[in-house]
Amino acid sequence: MAIKLFISPQVIQQTTILGGNVDIDKFQFCIESVQNTVIEPLLGSELYDKVVLDYKNDTLAGLYLTLFNDFVQPITKFESTAEYIKIAPYKVANGGVFKHSPENAVVVEKDEVESLAQMYRSNAQTYVLRFNKWIGLNNITEYKTSQDEVNASKDISLTAGWFL
């Protein structure tokens, strides 16, 4: 069963460094990955499942709609972009792993790619921190730090380094 993406690849192309000429199938899996590896641990399984169901049924409303628009979508957008930036130059094929190098272009050094990806991760982290403040002020019954599946966590850190 295909997963419904929280943000469309077209929106990512229109609002980030990814241009419209980047094939959607090259980064769509990054969106799916972020939904499973960042958003679900942030919300916890119960709230995540509610958001997914309401989003699929187009019934998000009230605090759930605010949660989705103000936190889930921006975090998904920025973290998906960061993930793709780190892997964009590479292609895996039957012959092995290749690094694309177009004519009349300079391949960017790894530390520059890391810096660019980190910029988008920092943007996502900003929304994670805002979410943590917001969830403390809003009572959403499905948000639980202890449950049978994936527990909601306030310890999600998408960036490295010092935090003050």
Protein backbone atom coordinates (compact mmCIF):
# COMPACT_ATOMS: atom_id res chain seq x y z
CA MET A 1 0.00 0.00 0.00
CA ALA A 2 1.39 3.38 -0.99
CA ILE A 3 1.94 5.87 1.76
CA LYS A 4 0.21 9.24 1.43
CA LEU A 5 2.90 11.91 1.51
CA PHE A 6 2.48 14.71 4.04
CA ILE A 7 3.91 17.17 1.54
CA SER A 8 3.93 16.93 -2.22
CA PRO A 9 7.21 16.68 -4.12
CA GLN A 10 6.04 19.67 -6.15
CA VAL A 11 5.81 21.85 -3.03
CA ILE A 12 9.34 20.81 -2.08
CA GLN A 13 10.54 21.73 -5.56
CA GLN A 14 8.81 25.12 -5.39
CA THR A 15 9.93 26.08 -1.87
CA THR A 16 13.44 24.64 -1.47
CA ILE A 17 16.69 24.43 -3.38
CA LEU A 18 15.41 21.40 -5.30
CA GLY A 19 14.50 22.56 -8.76
CA GLY A 20 11.64 21.45 -10.93
CA ASN A 21 14.01 19.47 -13.12
CA VAL A 22 14.79 17.01 -10.28
CA ASP A 23 12.87 13.82 -10.99
CA ILE A 24 10.28 13.27 -8.28
CA ASP A 25 11.13 9.57 -8.09
CA LYS A 26 14.67 10.55 -7.10
CA PHE A 27 13.54 12.07 -3.77
CA GLN A 28 10.00 10.89 -3.05
CA PHE A 29 11.35 8.05 -0.92
CA CYS A 30 13.07 10.67 1.28
CA ILE A 31 9.65 12.09 2.16
CA GLU A 32 8.36 8.63 3.08
CA SER A 33 11.49 7.97 5.12
CA VAL A 34 11.14 11.20 7.11
CA GLN A 35 7.50 10.43 7.86
CA ASN A 36 8.58 7.10 9.38
CA THR A 37 11.87 8.05 11.02
CA VAL A 38 11.23 11.61 12.22
CA ILE A 39 7.52 12.42 12.31
CA GLU A 40 6.27 9.18 13.89
CA PRO A 41 8.86 9.26 16.71
CA LEU A 42 8.07 12.94 17.26
CA LEU A 43 4.31 12.38 17.53
CA GLY A 44 4.22 8.82 18.83
CA SER A 45 2.28 6.07 17.07
CA GLU A 46 -1.18 6.95 18.34
CA LEU A 47 -1.08 10.59 17.30
CA TYR A 48 0.79 9.74 14.09
CA ASP A 49 -1.86 7.16 13.14
CA LYS A 50 -4.66 9.66 13.85
CA VAL A 51 -2.97 12.33 11.74
CA VAL A 52 -2.39 9.85 8.89
CA LEU A 53 -6.01 8.64 8.97
CA ASP A 54 -7.50 12.14 9.15
CA TYR A 55 -5.16 13.35 6.40
CA LYS A 56 -6.11 10.42 4.12
CA ASN A 57 -9.80 11.11 4.78
CA ASP A 58 -9.37 14.89 4.46
CA THR A 59 -10.86 15.38 7.94
CA LEU A 60 -8.01 17.17 9.73
CA ALA A 61 -9.53 19.93 11.86
CA GLY A 62 -8.84 22.08 14.90
CA LEU A 63 -5.59 21.34 16.76
CA TYR A 64 -4.84 18.44 14.41
CA LEU A 65 -4.96 20.72 11.39
CA THR A 66 -2.74 23.25 13.16
CA LEU A 67 -0.33 20.48 14.11
CA PHE A 68 -0.20 19.25 10.53
CA ASN A 69 0.13 22.64 8.81
CA ASP A 70 2.43 24.36 11.30
CA PHE A 71 4.74 21.48 12.28
CA VAL A 72 4.36 18.19 10.39
CA GLN A 73 4.56 19.66 6.90
CA PRO A 74 7.50 22.03 7.48
CA ILE A 75 9.53 19.38 9.34
CA THR A 76 8.83 16.87 6.57
CA LYS A 77 9.76 19.37 3.87
CA PHE A 78 13.04 20.52 5.37
CA GLU A 79 14.25 17.13 6.61
CA SER A 80 13.36 15.43 3.30
CA THR A 81 15.34 18.08 1.44
CA ALA A 82 18.33 17.58 3.75
CA GLU A 83 18.21 13.81 3.22
CA TYR A 84 18.08 14.17 -0.54
CA ILE A 85 20.90 16.73 -0.71
CA LYS A 86 23.25 14.24 0.94
CA ILE A 87 22.51 11.46 -1.55
CA ALA A 88 21.70 13.41 -4.72
CA PRO A 89 25.08 12.94 -6.44
CA TYR A 90 24.97 9.16 -6.13
CA LYS A 91 23.30 6.47 -8.19
CA VAL A 92 23.22 2.75 -7.49
CA ALA A 93 22.95 0.52 -10.54
CA ASN A 94 23.81 -3.04 -11.50
CA GLY A 95 27.42 -1.99 -12.10
CA GLY A 96 27.85 -0.47 -8.64
CA VAL A 97 27.61 2.95 -7.02
CA PHE A 98 28.30 5.96 -9.23
CA LYS A 99 28.72 9.67 -8.66
CA HIS A 100 27.14 11.87 -11.30
CA SER A 101 29.38 14.56 -12.79
CA PRO A 102 27.70 16.70 -15.46
CA GLU A 103 29.67 18.44 -18.20
CA ASN A 104 30.56 22.12 -17.68
CA ALA A 105 29.91 21.84 -13.94
CA VAL A 106 32.01 21.65 -10.80
CA VAL A 107 31.22 18.85 -8.38
CA VAL A 108 30.67 20.35 -4.93
CA GLU A 109 32.97 19.15 -2.15
CA LYS A 110 31.50 16.86 0.50
CA ASP A 111 31.81 19.47 3.28
CA GLU A 112 29.81 21.95 1.20
CA VAL A 113 27.09 19.34 0.63
CA GLU A 114 27.06 18.57 4.37
CA SER A 115 26.77 22.28 5.14
CA LEU A 116 23.85 22.69 2.74
CA ALA A 117 22.07 19.65 4.15
CA GLN A 118 22.70 20.91 7.68
CA MET A 119 21.07 24.22 6.81
CA TYR A 120 17.85 22.39 5.91
CA ARG A 121 18.15 20.13 8.98
CA SER A 122 18.46 23.25 11.14
CA ASN A 123 15.26 24.58 9.60
CA ALA A 124 13.51 21.30 10.44
CA GLN A 125 14.95 21.41 13.98
CA THR A 126 13.48 24.89 14.46
CA TYR A 127 10.03 23.44 13.83
CA VAL A 128 10.72 20.46 16.11
CA LEU A 129 11.55 22.87 18.95
CA ARG A 130 8.44 24.95 18.22
CA PHE A 131 6.36 21.75 18.21
CA ASN A 132 7.71 20.77 21.64
CA LYS A 133 6.57 24.13 23.04
CA TRP A 134 3.21 23.95 21.26
CA ILE A 135 2.38 20.39 22.34
CA GLY A 136 2.99 21.38 25.96
CA LEU A 137 0.35 24.08 25.67
CA ASN A 138 -2.25 22.00 23.82
CA ASN A 139 -4.01 18.93 25.12
CA ILE A 140 -4.05 16.25 22.43
CA THR A 141 -5.12 12.95 23.96
CA GLU A 142 -3.29 10.79 21.40
CA TYR A 143 0.08 12.37 22.24
CA LYS A 144 1.70 9.95 24.67
CA THR A 145 5.30 9.48 25.73
CA SER A 146 4.49 5.93 26.81
CA GLN A 147 2.50 3.58 24.60
CA ASP A 148 2.64 0.10 23.08
CA GLU A 149 4.25 1.20 19.81
CA VAL A 150 6.54 4.17 19.09
CA ASN A 151 6.66 6.54 22.05
CA ALA A 152 6.51 10.27 21.42
CA SER A 153 9.88 11.83 22.14
CA LYS A 154 10.94 15.36 22.95
CA ASP A 155 14.58 14.34 22.48
CA ILE A 156 14.56 14.41 18.67
CA SER A 157 17.58 16.32 17.45
CA LEU A 158 18.06 16.71 13.71
CA THR A 159 21.13 18.90 14.05
CA ALA A 160 24.49 18.33 15.61
CA GLY A 161 26.48 20.68 17.78
CA TRP A 162 25.83 22.84 20.80
CA PHE A 163 22.35 23.94 21.83
CA LEU A 164 21.89 26.83 24.23
